Amino acid sequence: MSPLPFQTYSDATEYFGVQIPELFFNNLITVETYCNRNGYHPLDILDDLFGFEIIEANEARYQQTPIELFPFGKTAFAGTHFGFVIHTQDNEDYPSGELCPMDSDGLIHIGNTSHALFQNLLTDPILIDKHSQLLKVLELEPIIRKQKRYDANGNGLRITVQPKNGWRFVNTSDGVGVFAEEKYFDTSHELFINDINSAKRVECFEESTEEMRRKGFYGSQLFYLKELYWYEWTNYELAKKYLNQMLLPYEQLGRQHLYDTAKEILDSFDVRYPEWQ
């Protein structure tokens, strides 16, 4: 029996709940084939070479995991999980990132393509040499790239999206941003800063959220909701409130895959994330 939870691309799409890049799927199958021929376990090789030893989809999510991040794997410790950021489903490939729920950094960029994802996760020169034949089939260079994950100020590097004419990308504190047609945004946005006046800031951001809804600026509404959720996710009732409010902009922006994901999480919220006692 295969250790992978799927063997066909259609099964993988059903498993992850979204169309993942075909190259990512093909690479996983290539790893499995290599392991079957050489007496290795695929998950051991994925862990040794690329750092994720568990293939997992929505089960890898934590309460603060952004809706736009679709997990594909995780480590066995600290809850660190990896995923693709999928705002719209009209591209062949998507940027990837890593989220550690024990940190407040948000999503840290890994690569803009599936090829860059695998290349940038290589870290062990001994294992790179040992499995050089596999890397050759995967068309990966047998080198460790000096991939910067943080800028000069210690801030995590953020993902970027493939631009579209008439569209706008606005960064958010969770690291995934909001991407939508320009007409759905206000002229400017203010990131949430968690300071001593956080209660007042929550009130102001909630007012901004409602104002954006009334004006039909659903991209900006989603921006403020994502800021509120990122900084208030430990507040059980507020987290559910903001997640529920995200359904409207996802629907109005035509993001059925994000609406469905948010709705599924919301409907199972109490089971997924039992309220802290």
C-alpha atoms as a PDB file:
ATOM      1  CA  MET A   1       0.000   0.000   0.000  1.00  0.00           C
ATOM      2  CA  SER A   2       1.304   3.429  -0.967  1.00  0.00           C
ATOM      3  CA  PRO A   3       2.304   5.735   1.922  1.00  0.00           C
ATOM      4  CA  LEU A   4       0.953   8.635  -0.150  1.00  0.00           C
ATOM      5  CA  PRO A   5      -2.766   9.326   0.402  1.00  0.00           C
ATOM      6  CA  PHE A   6      -3.348   9.460  -3.370  1.00  0.00           C
ATOM      7  CA  GLN A   7      -2.033   7.943  -6.587  1.00  0.00           C
ATOM      8  CA  THR A   8      -3.740   9.968  -9.293  1.00  0.00           C
ATOM      9  CA  TYR A   9      -3.932  13.709  -9.851  1.00  0.00           C
ATOM     10  CA  SER A  10      -7.709  13.672  -9.508  1.00  0.00           C
ATOM     11  CA  ASP A  11      -7.386  11.885  -6.166  1.00  0.00           C
ATOM     12  CA  ALA A  12      -4.802  14.449  -5.071  1.00  0.00           C
ATOM     13  CA  THR A  13      -7.159  17.296  -6.033  1.00  0.00           C
ATOM     14  CA  GLU A  14      -9.899  15.728  -3.943  1.00  0.00           C
ATOM     15  CA  TYR A  15      -7.513  15.131  -1.041  1.00  0.00           C
ATOM     16  CA  PHE A  16      -6.127  18.682  -0.927  1.00  0.00           C
ATOM     17  CA  GLY A  17      -9.468  20.303  -1.718  1.00  0.00           C
ATOM     18  CA  VAL A  18      -7.939  22.359  -4.526  1.00  0.00           C
ATOM     19  CA  GLN A  19      -6.016  21.797  -7.752  1.00  0.00           C
ATOM     20  CA  ILE A  20      -2.402  21.676  -6.646  1.00  0.00           C
ATOM     21  CA  PRO A  21       0.384  22.236  -9.208  1.00  0.00           C
ATOM     22  CA  GLU A  22       0.846  19.156 -11.375  1.00  0.00           C
ATOM     23  CA  LEU A  23       4.620  19.392 -11.018  1.00  0.00           C
ATOM     24  CA  PHE A  24       4.292  19.084  -7.242  1.00  0.00           C
ATOM     25  CA  PHE A  25       2.139  15.966  -7.641  1.00  0.00           C
ATOM     26  CA  ASN A  26       4.478  14.475 -10.246  1.00  0.00           C
ATOM     27  CA  ASN A  27       7.481  15.063  -7.988  1.00  0.00           C
ATOM     28  CA  LEU A  28       5.833  13.203  -5.129  1.00  0.00           C
ATOM     29  CA  ILE A  29       5.104  10.250  -7.406  1.00  0.00           C
ATOM     30  CA  THR A  30       8.701  10.364  -8.671  1.00  0.00           C
ATOM     31  CA  VAL A  31       9.984  10.242  -5.095  1.00  0.00           C
ATOM     32  CA  GLU A  32       7.746   7.260  -4.353  1.00  0.00           C
ATOM     33  CA  THR A  33       8.929   5.421  -7.469  1.00  0.00           C
ATOM     34  CA  TYR A  34      12.570   6.051  -6.576  1.00  0.00           C
ATOM     35  CA  CYS A  35      11.991   4.766  -3.059  1.00  0.00           C
ATOM     36  CA  ASN A  36      10.200   1.619  -4.228  1.00  0.00           C
ATOM     37  CA  ARG A  37      13.146   0.805  -6.479  1.00  0.00           C
ATOM     38  CA  ASN A  38      15.818   1.490  -3.870  1.00  0.00           C
ATOM     39  CA  GLY A  39      14.254   0.253  -0.640  1.00  0.00           C
ATOM     40  CA  TYR A  40      13.490   3.602   0.972  1.00  0.00           C
ATOM     41  CA  HIS A  41      10.317   4.933   2.519  1.00  0.00           C
ATOM     42  CA  PRO A  42       8.999   7.970   0.601  1.00  0.00           C
ATOM     43  CA  LEU A  43       8.169   9.948   3.710  1.00  0.00           C
ATOM     44  CA  ASP A  44      11.684   9.387   5.063  1.00  0.00           C
ATOM     45  CA  ILE A  45      13.178  10.773   1.852  1.00  0.00           C
ATOM     46  CA  LEU A  46      10.784  13.738   1.800  1.00  0.00           C
ATOM     47  CA  ASP A  47      11.816  14.496   5.366  1.00  0.00           C
ATOM     48  CA  ASP A  48      15.549  13.958   4.878  1.00  0.00           C
ATOM     49  CA  LEU A  49      15.787  15.990   1.689  1.00  0.00           C
ATOM     50  CA  PHE A  50      13.008  18.560   1.935  1.00  0.00           C
ATOM     51  CA  GLY A  51      12.015  18.762   5.599  1.00  0.00           C
ATOM     52  CA  PHE A  52       8.384  17.657   5.524  1.00  0.00           C
ATOM     53  CA  GLU A  53       7.834  14.122   6.714  1.00  0.00           C
ATOM     54  CA  ILE A  54       4.040  14.108   6.784  1.00  0.00           C
ATOM     55  CA  ILE A  55       1.816  14.641   3.746  1.00  0.00           C
ATOM     56  CA  GLU A  56      -1.273  16.329   5.082  1.00  0.00           C
ATOM     57  CA  ALA A  57      -3.914  18.743   3.834  1.00  0.00           C
ATOM     58  CA  ASN A  58      -6.502  20.552   5.954  1.00  0.00           C
ATOM     59  CA  GLU A  59      -5.583  18.469   8.995  1.00  0.00           C
ATOM     60  CA  ALA A  60      -2.299  20.387   9.107  1.00  0.00           C
ATOM     61  CA  ARG A  61      -4.109  23.684   9.664  1.00  0.00           C
ATOM     62  CA  TYR A  62      -3.866  25.541  12.926  1.00  0.00           C
ATOM     63  CA  GLN A  63      -6.400  28.075  14.110  1.00  0.00           C
ATOM     64  CA  GLN A  64      -4.317  30.951  12.704  1.00  0.00           C
ATOM     65  CA  THR A  65      -3.539  29.323   9.341  1.00  0.00           C
ATOM     66  CA  PRO A  66      -4.733  31.708   6.602  1.00  0.00           C
ATOM     67  CA  ILE A  67      -7.579  30.445   4.442  1.00  0.00           C
ATOM     68  CA  GLU A  68      -5.557  31.129   1.284  1.00  0.00           C
ATOM     69  CA  LEU A  69      -2.802  28.755   2.429  1.00  0.00           C
ATOM     70  CA  PHE A  70      -3.514  25.186   1.316  1.00  0.00           C
ATOM     71  CA  PRO A  71      -1.228  22.887   3.316  1.00  0.00           C
ATOM     72  CA  PHE A  72       0.460  19.919   1.681  1.00  0.00           C
ATOM     73  CA  GLY A  73       2.768  18.759   4.473  1.00  0.00           C
ATOM     74  CA  LYS A  74       4.235  19.387   7.873  1.00  0.00           C
ATOM     75  CA  THR A  75       7.095  18.582  10.181  1.00  0.00           C
ATOM     76  CA  ALA A  76       6.736  16.273  13.161  1.00  0.00           C
ATOM     77  CA  PHE A  77       7.386  19.047  15.652  1.00  0.00           C
ATOM     78  CA  ALA A  78       6.255  22.602  16.469  1.00  0.00           C
ATOM     79  CA  GLY A  79       3.335  22.334  14.056  1.00  0.00           C
ATOM     80  CA  THR A  80       5.313  23.899  11.211  1.00  0.00           C
ATOM     81  CA  HIS A  81       3.432  23.312   7.981  1.00  0.00           C
ATOM     82  CA  PHE A  82       4.001  24.032   4.309  1.00  0.00           C
ATOM     83  CA  GLY A  83       1.481  25.015   1.687  1.00  0.00           C
ATOM     84  CA  PHE A  84       0.590  26.782  -1.528  1.00  0.00           C
ATOM     85  CA  VAL A  85      -0.965  30.244  -1.490  1.00  0.00           C
ATOM     86  CA  ILE A  86      -3.888  30.036  -3.902  1.00  0.00           C
ATOM     87  CA  HIS A  87      -5.868  33.245  -4.299  1.00  0.00           C
ATOM     88  CA  THR A  88      -7.269  32.268  -7.695  1.00  0.00           C
ATOM     89  CA  GLN A  89      -7.227  28.909  -9.444  1.00  0.00           C
ATOM     90  CA  ASP A  90      -6.262  30.063 -12.926  1.00  0.00           C
ATOM     91  CA  ASN A  91      -2.487  29.479 -12.764  1.00  0.00           C
ATOM     92  CA  GLU A  92      -0.483  26.337 -13.422  1.00  0.00           C
ATOM     93  CA  ASP A  93       1.706  26.899 -10.365  1.00  0.00           C
ATOM     94  CA  TYR A  94       1.584  28.861  -7.126  1.00  0.00           C
ATOM     95  CA  PRO A  95       3.915  30.396  -4.547  1.00  0.00           C
ATOM     96  CA  SER A  96       4.650  28.337  -1.462  1.00  0.00           C
ATOM     97  CA  GLY A  97       5.409  29.192   2.121  1.00  0.00           C
ATOM     98  CA  GLU A  98       6.000  27.867   5.605  1.00  0.00           C
ATOM     99  CA  LEU A  99       4.046  28.723   8.738  1.00  0.00           C
ATOM    100  CA  CYS A 100       5.194  28.022  12.275  1.00  0.00           C
ATOM    101  CA  PRO A 101       2.254  28.423  14.692  1.00  0.00           C
ATOM    102  CA  MET A 102       4.655  29.019  17.563  1.00  0.00           C
ATOM    103  CA  ASP A 103       5.902  32.245  15.941  1.00  0.00           C
ATOM    104  CA  SER A 104       4.161  35.471  15.023  1.00  0.00           C
ATOM    105  CA  ASP A 105       6.004  35.889  11.716  1.00  0.00           C
ATOM    106  CA  GLY A 106       3.139  34.785   9.516  1.00  0.00           C
ATOM    107  CA  LEU A 107       3.782  32.884   6.326  1.00  0.00           C
ATOM    108  CA  ILE A 108       7.439  32.853   5.241  1.00  0.00           C
ATOM    109  CA  HIS A 109       8.105  32.627   1.518  1.00  0.00           C
ATOM    110  CA  ILE A 110       9.798  29.496   0.134  1.00  0.00           C
ATOM    111  CA  GLY A 111       9.480  29.768  -3.635  1.00  0.00           C
ATOM    112  CA  ASN A 112       7.303  31.078  -6.455  1.00  0.00           C
ATOM    113  CA  THR A 113       7.013  27.708  -8.218  1.00  0.00           C
ATOM    114  CA  SER A 114       6.919  24.037  -7.304  1.00  0.00           C
ATOM    115  CA  HIS A 115      10.405  23.624  -8.755  1.00  0.00           C
ATOM    116  CA  ALA A 116      11.714  26.458  -6.565  1.00  0.00           C
ATOM    117  CA  LEU A 117       9.929  24.928  -3.580  1.00  0.00           C
ATOM    118  CA  PHE A 118      11.840  21.646  -3.816  1.00  0.00           C
ATOM    119  CA  GLN A 119      15.111  23.349  -4.771  1.00  0.00           C
ATOM    120  CA  ASN A 120      15.008  25.828  -1.904  1.00  0.00           C
ATOM    121  CA  LEU A 121      14.204  23.190   0.721  1.00  0.00           C
ATOM    122  CA  LEU A 122      17.414  21.232   0.080  1.00  0.00           C
ATOM    123  CA  THR A 123      19.663  21.712   3.109  1.00  0.00           C
ATOM    124  CA  ASP A 124      21.855  18.633   3.699  1.00  0.00           C
ATOM    125  CA  PRO A 125      24.904  18.204   1.401  1.00  0.00           C
ATOM    126  CA  ILE A 126      25.480  14.591   2.461  1.00  0.00           C
ATOM    127  CA  LEU A 127      21.939  13.556   1.581  1.00  0.00           C
ATOM    128  CA  ILE A 128      22.035  15.621  -1.596  1.00  0.00           C
ATOM    129  CA  ASP A 129      25.043  13.584  -2.717  1.00  0.00           C
ATOM    130  CA  LYS A 130      23.507  10.299  -1.577  1.00  0.00           C
ATOM    131  CA  HIS A 131      20.314  10.852  -3.554  1.00  0.00           C
ATOM    132  CA  SER A 132      21.819  12.682  -6.512  1.00  0.00           C
ATOM    133  CA  GLN A 133      20.085  10.353  -8.980  1.00  0.00           C
ATOM    134  CA  LEU A 134      16.696  11.294  -7.586  1.00  0.00           C
ATOM    135  CA  LEU A 135      17.537  14.994  -7.790  1.00  0.00           C
ATOM    136  CA  LYS A 136      18.570  14.511 -11.408  1.00  0.00           C
ATOM    137  CA  VAL A 137      15.203  13.000 -12.280  1.00  0.00           C
ATOM    138  CA  LEU A 138      13.496  15.853 -10.424  1.00  0.00           C
ATOM    139  CA  GLU A 139      15.676  18.295 -12.412  1.00  0.00           C
ATOM    140  CA  LEU A 140      17.015  19.844  -9.208  1.00  0.00           C
ATOM    141  CA  GLU A 141      20.543  21.159  -8.845  1.00  0.00           C
ATOM    142  CA  PRO A 142      22.600  19.208  -6.268  1.00  0.00           C
ATOM    143  CA  ILE A 143      23.369  22.381  -4.359  1.00  0.00           C
ATOM    144  CA  ILE A 144      22.132  24.304  -1.348  1.00  0.00           C
ATOM    145  CA  ARG A 145      20.884  27.696  -2.377  1.00  0.00           C
ATOM    146  CA  LYS A 146      21.417  30.545   0.030  1.00  0.00           C
ATOM    147  CA  GLN A 147      17.743  31.288   0.243  1.00  0.00           C
ATOM    148  CA  LYS A 148      16.971  34.352   2.326  1.00  0.00           C
ATOM    149  CA  ARG A 149      13.916  33.877   4.504  1.00  0.00           C
ATOM    150  CA  TYR A 150      14.147  37.190   6.363  1.00  0.00           C
ATOM    151  CA  ASP A 151      15.061  40.737   5.361  1.00  0.00           C
ATOM    152  CA  ALA A 152      17.713  42.964   6.965  1.00  0.00           C
ATOM    153  CA  ASN A 153      15.258  43.987   9.687  1.00  0.00           C
ATOM    154  CA  GLY A 154      14.423  40.410  10.627  1.00  0.00           C
ATOM    155  CA  ASN A 155      11.029  40.430   8.940  1.00  0.00           C
ATOM    156  CA  GLY A 156       9.952  37.298   7.095  1.00  0.00           C
ATOM    157  CA  LEU A 157       9.984  37.572   3.305  1.00  0.00           C
ATOM    158  CA  ARG A 158       6.479  37.517   1.825  1.00  0.00           C
ATOM    159  CA  ILE A 159       5.043  35.738  -1.152  1.00  0.00           C
ATOM    160  CA  THR A 160       4.372  37.535  -4.399  1.00  0.00           C
ATOM    161  CA  VAL A 161       1.633  36.796  -6.894  1.00  0.00           C
ATOM    162  CA  GLN A 162       1.603  36.697 -10.670  1.00  0.00           C
ATOM    163  CA  PRO A 163       0.289  40.141 -11.653  1.00  0.00           C
ATOM    164  CA  LYS A 164      -2.853  40.700 -13.679  1.00  0.00           C
ATOM    165  CA  ASN A 165      -3.959  43.818 -15.493  1.00  0.00           C
ATOM    166  CA  GLY A 166      -6.486  45.730 -13.422  1.00  0.00           C
ATOM    167  CA  TRP A 167      -5.783  43.691 -10.290  1.00  0.00           C
ATOM    168  CA  ARG A 168      -4.106  44.675  -7.041  1.00  0.00           C
ATOM    169  CA  PHE A 169      -2.213  42.785  -4.349  1.00  0.00           C
ATOM    170  CA  VAL A 170      -2.259  44.147  -0.788  1.00  0.00           C
ATOM    171  CA  ASN A 171       0.002  42.523   1.794  1.00  0.00           C
ATOM    172  CA  THR A 172      -1.401  41.399   5.142  1.00  0.00           C
ATOM    173  CA  SER A 173       0.191  40.566   8.495  1.00  0.00           C
ATOM    174  CA  ASP A 174      -0.477  36.833   8.033  1.00  0.00           C
ATOM    175  CA  GLY A 175       1.833  36.873   5.015  1.00  0.00           C
ATOM    176  CA  VAL A 176      -0.580  35.832   2.252  1.00  0.00           C
ATOM    177  CA  GLY A 177      -2.196  39.146   1.307  1.00  0.00           C
ATOM    178  CA  VAL A 178      -5.381  39.922  -0.612  1.00  0.00           C
ATOM    179  CA  PHE A 179      -5.466  39.724  -4.413  1.00  0.00           C
ATOM    180  CA  ALA A 180      -8.442  41.047  -6.340  1.00  0.00           C
ATOM    181  CA  GLU A 181      -9.611  43.438  -9.007  1.00  0.00           C
ATOM    182  CA  GLU A 182      -8.651  47.042  -8.324  1.00  0.00           C
ATOM    183  CA  LYS A 183     -12.290  48.104  -8.116  1.00  0.00           C
ATOM    184  CA  TYR A 184     -12.729  46.094  -4.906  1.00  0.00           C
ATOM    185  CA  PHE A 185     -10.131  48.085  -2.957  1.00  0.00           C
ATOM    186  CA  ASP A 186     -10.082  51.402  -1.148  1.00  0.00           C
ATOM    187  CA  THR A 187      -7.176  53.713  -1.935  1.00  0.00           C
ATOM    188  CA  SER A 188      -5.067  52.828   1.137  1.00  0.00           C
ATOM    189  CA  HIS A 189      -4.888  50.353   4.020  1.00  0.00           C
ATOM    190  CA  GLU A 190      -3.359  50.299   7.477  1.00  0.00           C
ATOM    191  CA  LEU A 191      -1.776  47.190   8.922  1.00  0.00           C
ATOM    192  CA  PHE A 192      -2.937  46.206  12.394  1.00  0.00           C
ATOM    193  CA  ILE A 193      -0.331  46.963  15.067  1.00  0.00           C
ATOM    194  CA  ASN A 194      -0.771  45.031  18.291  1.00  0.00           C
ATOM    195  CA  ASP A 195       0.044  47.705  20.870  1.00  0.00           C
ATOM    196  CA  ILE A 196      -1.278  48.907  24.221  1.00  0.00           C
ATOM    197  CA  ASN A 197      -4.316  50.363  22.451  1.00  0.00           C
ATOM    198  CA  SER A 198      -5.232  47.067  20.803  1.00  0.00           C
ATOM    199  CA  ALA A 199      -8.832  47.191  22.053  1.00  0.00           C
ATOM    200  CA  LYS A 200      -9.323  50.598  20.439  1.00  0.00           C
ATOM    201  CA  ARG A 201      -7.592  49.391  17.282  1.00  0.00           C
ATOM    202  CA  VAL A 202      -9.942  46.386  17.091  1.00  0.00           C
ATOM    203  CA  GLU A 203     -12.895  48.749  17.334  1.00  0.00           C
ATOM    204  CA  CYS A 204     -11.498  50.969  14.564  1.00  0.00           C
ATOM    205  CA  PHE A 205     -10.728  48.019  12.313  1.00  0.00           C
ATOM    206  CA  GLU A 206     -14.209  46.596  12.825  1.00  0.00           C
ATOM    207  CA  GLU A 207     -15.631  49.975  11.806  1.00  0.00           C
ATOM    208  CA  SER A 208     -13.400  49.995   8.724  1.00  0.00           C
ATOM    209  CA  THR A 209     -14.540  46.468   7.880  1.00  0.00           C
ATOM    210  CA  GLU A 210     -18.184  47.524   7.949  1.00  0.00           C
ATOM    211  CA  GLU A 211     -17.469  50.676   5.950  1.00  0.00           C
ATOM    212  CA  MET A 212     -15.716  48.671   3.236  1.00  0.00           C
ATOM    213  CA  ARG A 213     -18.659  46.253   3.117  1.00  0.00           C
ATOM    214  CA  ARG A 214     -21.139  49.103   2.655  1.00  0.00           C
ATOM    215  CA  LYS A 215     -19.044  50.594  -0.147  1.00  0.00           C
ATOM    216  CA  GLY A 216     -18.636  47.252  -1.906  1.00  0.00           C
ATOM    217  CA  PHE A 217     -14.857  47.291  -1.423  1.00  0.00           C
ATOM    218  CA  TYR A 218     -14.750  43.566  -0.719  1.00  0.00           C
ATOM    219  CA  GLY A 219     -10.983  43.309  -1.163  1.00  0.00           C
ATOM    220  CA  SER A 220     -10.485  45.952   1.505  1.00  0.00           C
ATOM    221  CA  GLN A 221     -13.130  44.363   3.705  1.00  0.00           C
ATOM    222  CA  LEU A 222     -11.241  41.092   3.490  1.00  0.00           C
ATOM    223  CA  PHE A 223      -7.971  42.896   4.250  1.00  0.00           C
ATOM    224  CA  TYR A 224      -9.318  44.304   7.550  1.00  0.00           C
ATOM    225  CA  LEU A 225     -10.934  41.003   8.495  1.00  0.00           C
ATOM    226  CA  LYS A 226      -7.657  39.166   7.904  1.00  0.00           C
ATOM    227  CA  GLU A 227      -5.801  41.691  10.052  1.00  0.00           C
ATOM    228  CA  LEU A 228      -8.357  41.316  12.828  1.00  0.00           C
ATOM    229  CA  TYR A 229      -8.290  37.529  12.631  1.00  0.00           C
ATOM    230  CA  TRP A 230      -4.485  37.323  12.666  1.00  0.00           C
ATOM    231  CA  TYR A 231      -4.190  39.356  15.858  1.00  0.00           C
ATOM    232  CA  GLU A 232      -7.333  38.114  17.608  1.00  0.00           C
ATOM    233  CA  TRP A 233      -7.422  34.414  16.678  1.00  0.00           C
ATOM    234  CA  THR A 234      -6.773  33.422  20.303  1.00  0.00           C
ATOM    235  CA  ASN A 235     -10.104  35.063  21.194  1.00  0.00           C
ATOM    236  CA  TYR A 236     -12.384  32.132  20.439  1.00  0.00           C
ATOM    237  CA  GLU A 237     -15.580  34.071  19.773  1.00  0.00           C
ATOM    238  CA  LEU A 238     -13.899  36.853  17.802  1.00  0.00           C
ATOM    239  CA  ALA A 239     -12.090  34.306  15.641  1.00  0.00           C
ATOM    240  CA  LYS A 240     -15.377  32.663  14.683  1.00  0.00           C
ATOM    241  CA  LYS A 241     -16.995  36.050  14.135  1.00  0.00           C
ATOM    242  CA  TYR A 242     -14.304  37.267  11.737  1.00  0.00           C
ATOM    243  CA  LEU A 243     -14.136  33.938   9.916  1.00  0.00           C
ATOM    244  CA  ASN A 244     -17.886  34.049   9.393  1.00  0.00           C
ATOM    245  CA  GLN A 245     -17.648  37.603   8.065  1.00  0.00           C
ATOM    246  CA  MET A 246     -14.993  36.535   5.551  1.00  0.00           C
ATOM    247  CA  LEU A 247     -17.572  34.433   3.742  1.00  0.00           C
ATOM    248  CA  LEU A 248     -19.165  37.500   2.144  1.00  0.00           C
ATOM    249  CA  PRO A 249     -16.030  38.928   0.487  1.00  0.00           C
ATOM    250  CA  TYR A 250     -14.939  35.472  -0.635  1.00  0.00           C
ATOM    251  CA  GLU A 251     -18.343  35.024  -2.241  1.00  0.00           C
ATOM    252  CA  GLN A 252     -18.439  38.507  -3.785  1.00  0.00           C
ATOM    253  CA  LEU A 253     -14.902  38.144  -5.140  1.00  0.00           C
ATOM    254  CA  GLY A 254     -15.817  34.836  -6.775  1.00  0.00           C
ATOM    255  CA  ARG A 255     -13.441  32.732  -4.670  1.00  0.00           C
ATOM    256  CA  GLN A 256     -15.487  29.574  -4.331  1.00  0.00           C
ATOM    257  CA  HIS A 257     -12.507  27.503  -3.193  1.00  0.00           C
ATOM    258  CA  LEU A 258     -11.790  29.986  -0.389  1.00  0.00           C
ATOM    259  CA  TYR A 259     -15.449  30.294   0.547  1.00  0.00           C
ATOM    260  CA  ASP A 260     -15.779  26.501   0.773  1.00  0.00           C
ATOM    261  CA  THR A 261     -12.599  26.189   2.841  1.00  0.00           C
ATOM    262  CA  ALA A 262     -13.631  28.952   5.264  1.00  0.00           C
ATOM    263  CA  LYS A 263     -17.154  27.513   5.562  1.00  0.00           C
ATOM    264  CA  GLU A 264     -15.840  24.009   6.253  1.00  0.00           C
ATOM    265  CA  ILE A 265     -13.494  25.306   8.956  1.00  0.00           C
ATOM    266  CA  LEU A 266     -16.218  27.494  10.459  1.00  0.00           C
ATOM    267  CA  ASP A 267     -18.737  24.633  10.568  1.00  0.00           C
ATOM    268  CA  SER A 268     -16.221  22.361  12.304  1.00  0.00           C
ATOM    269  CA  PHE A 269     -14.515  25.079  14.351  1.00  0.00           C
ATOM    270  CA  ASP A 270     -15.562  23.826  17.790  1.00  0.00           C
ATOM    271  CA  VAL A 271     -14.367  20.309  16.972  1.00  0.00           C
ATOM    272  CA  ARG A 272     -11.162  21.367  15.242  1.00  0.00           C
ATOM    273  CA  TYR A 273     -10.147  23.893  17.850  1.00  0.00           C
ATOM    274  CA  PRO A 274     -11.742  23.160  21.239  1.00  0.00           C
ATOM    275  CA  GLU A 275     -12.008  26.318  23.287  1.00  0.00           C
ATOM    276  CA  TRP A 276      -9.131  26.718  25.682  1.00  0.00           C
ATOM    277  CA  GLN A 277     -10.063  26.199  29.277  1.00  0.00           C
END
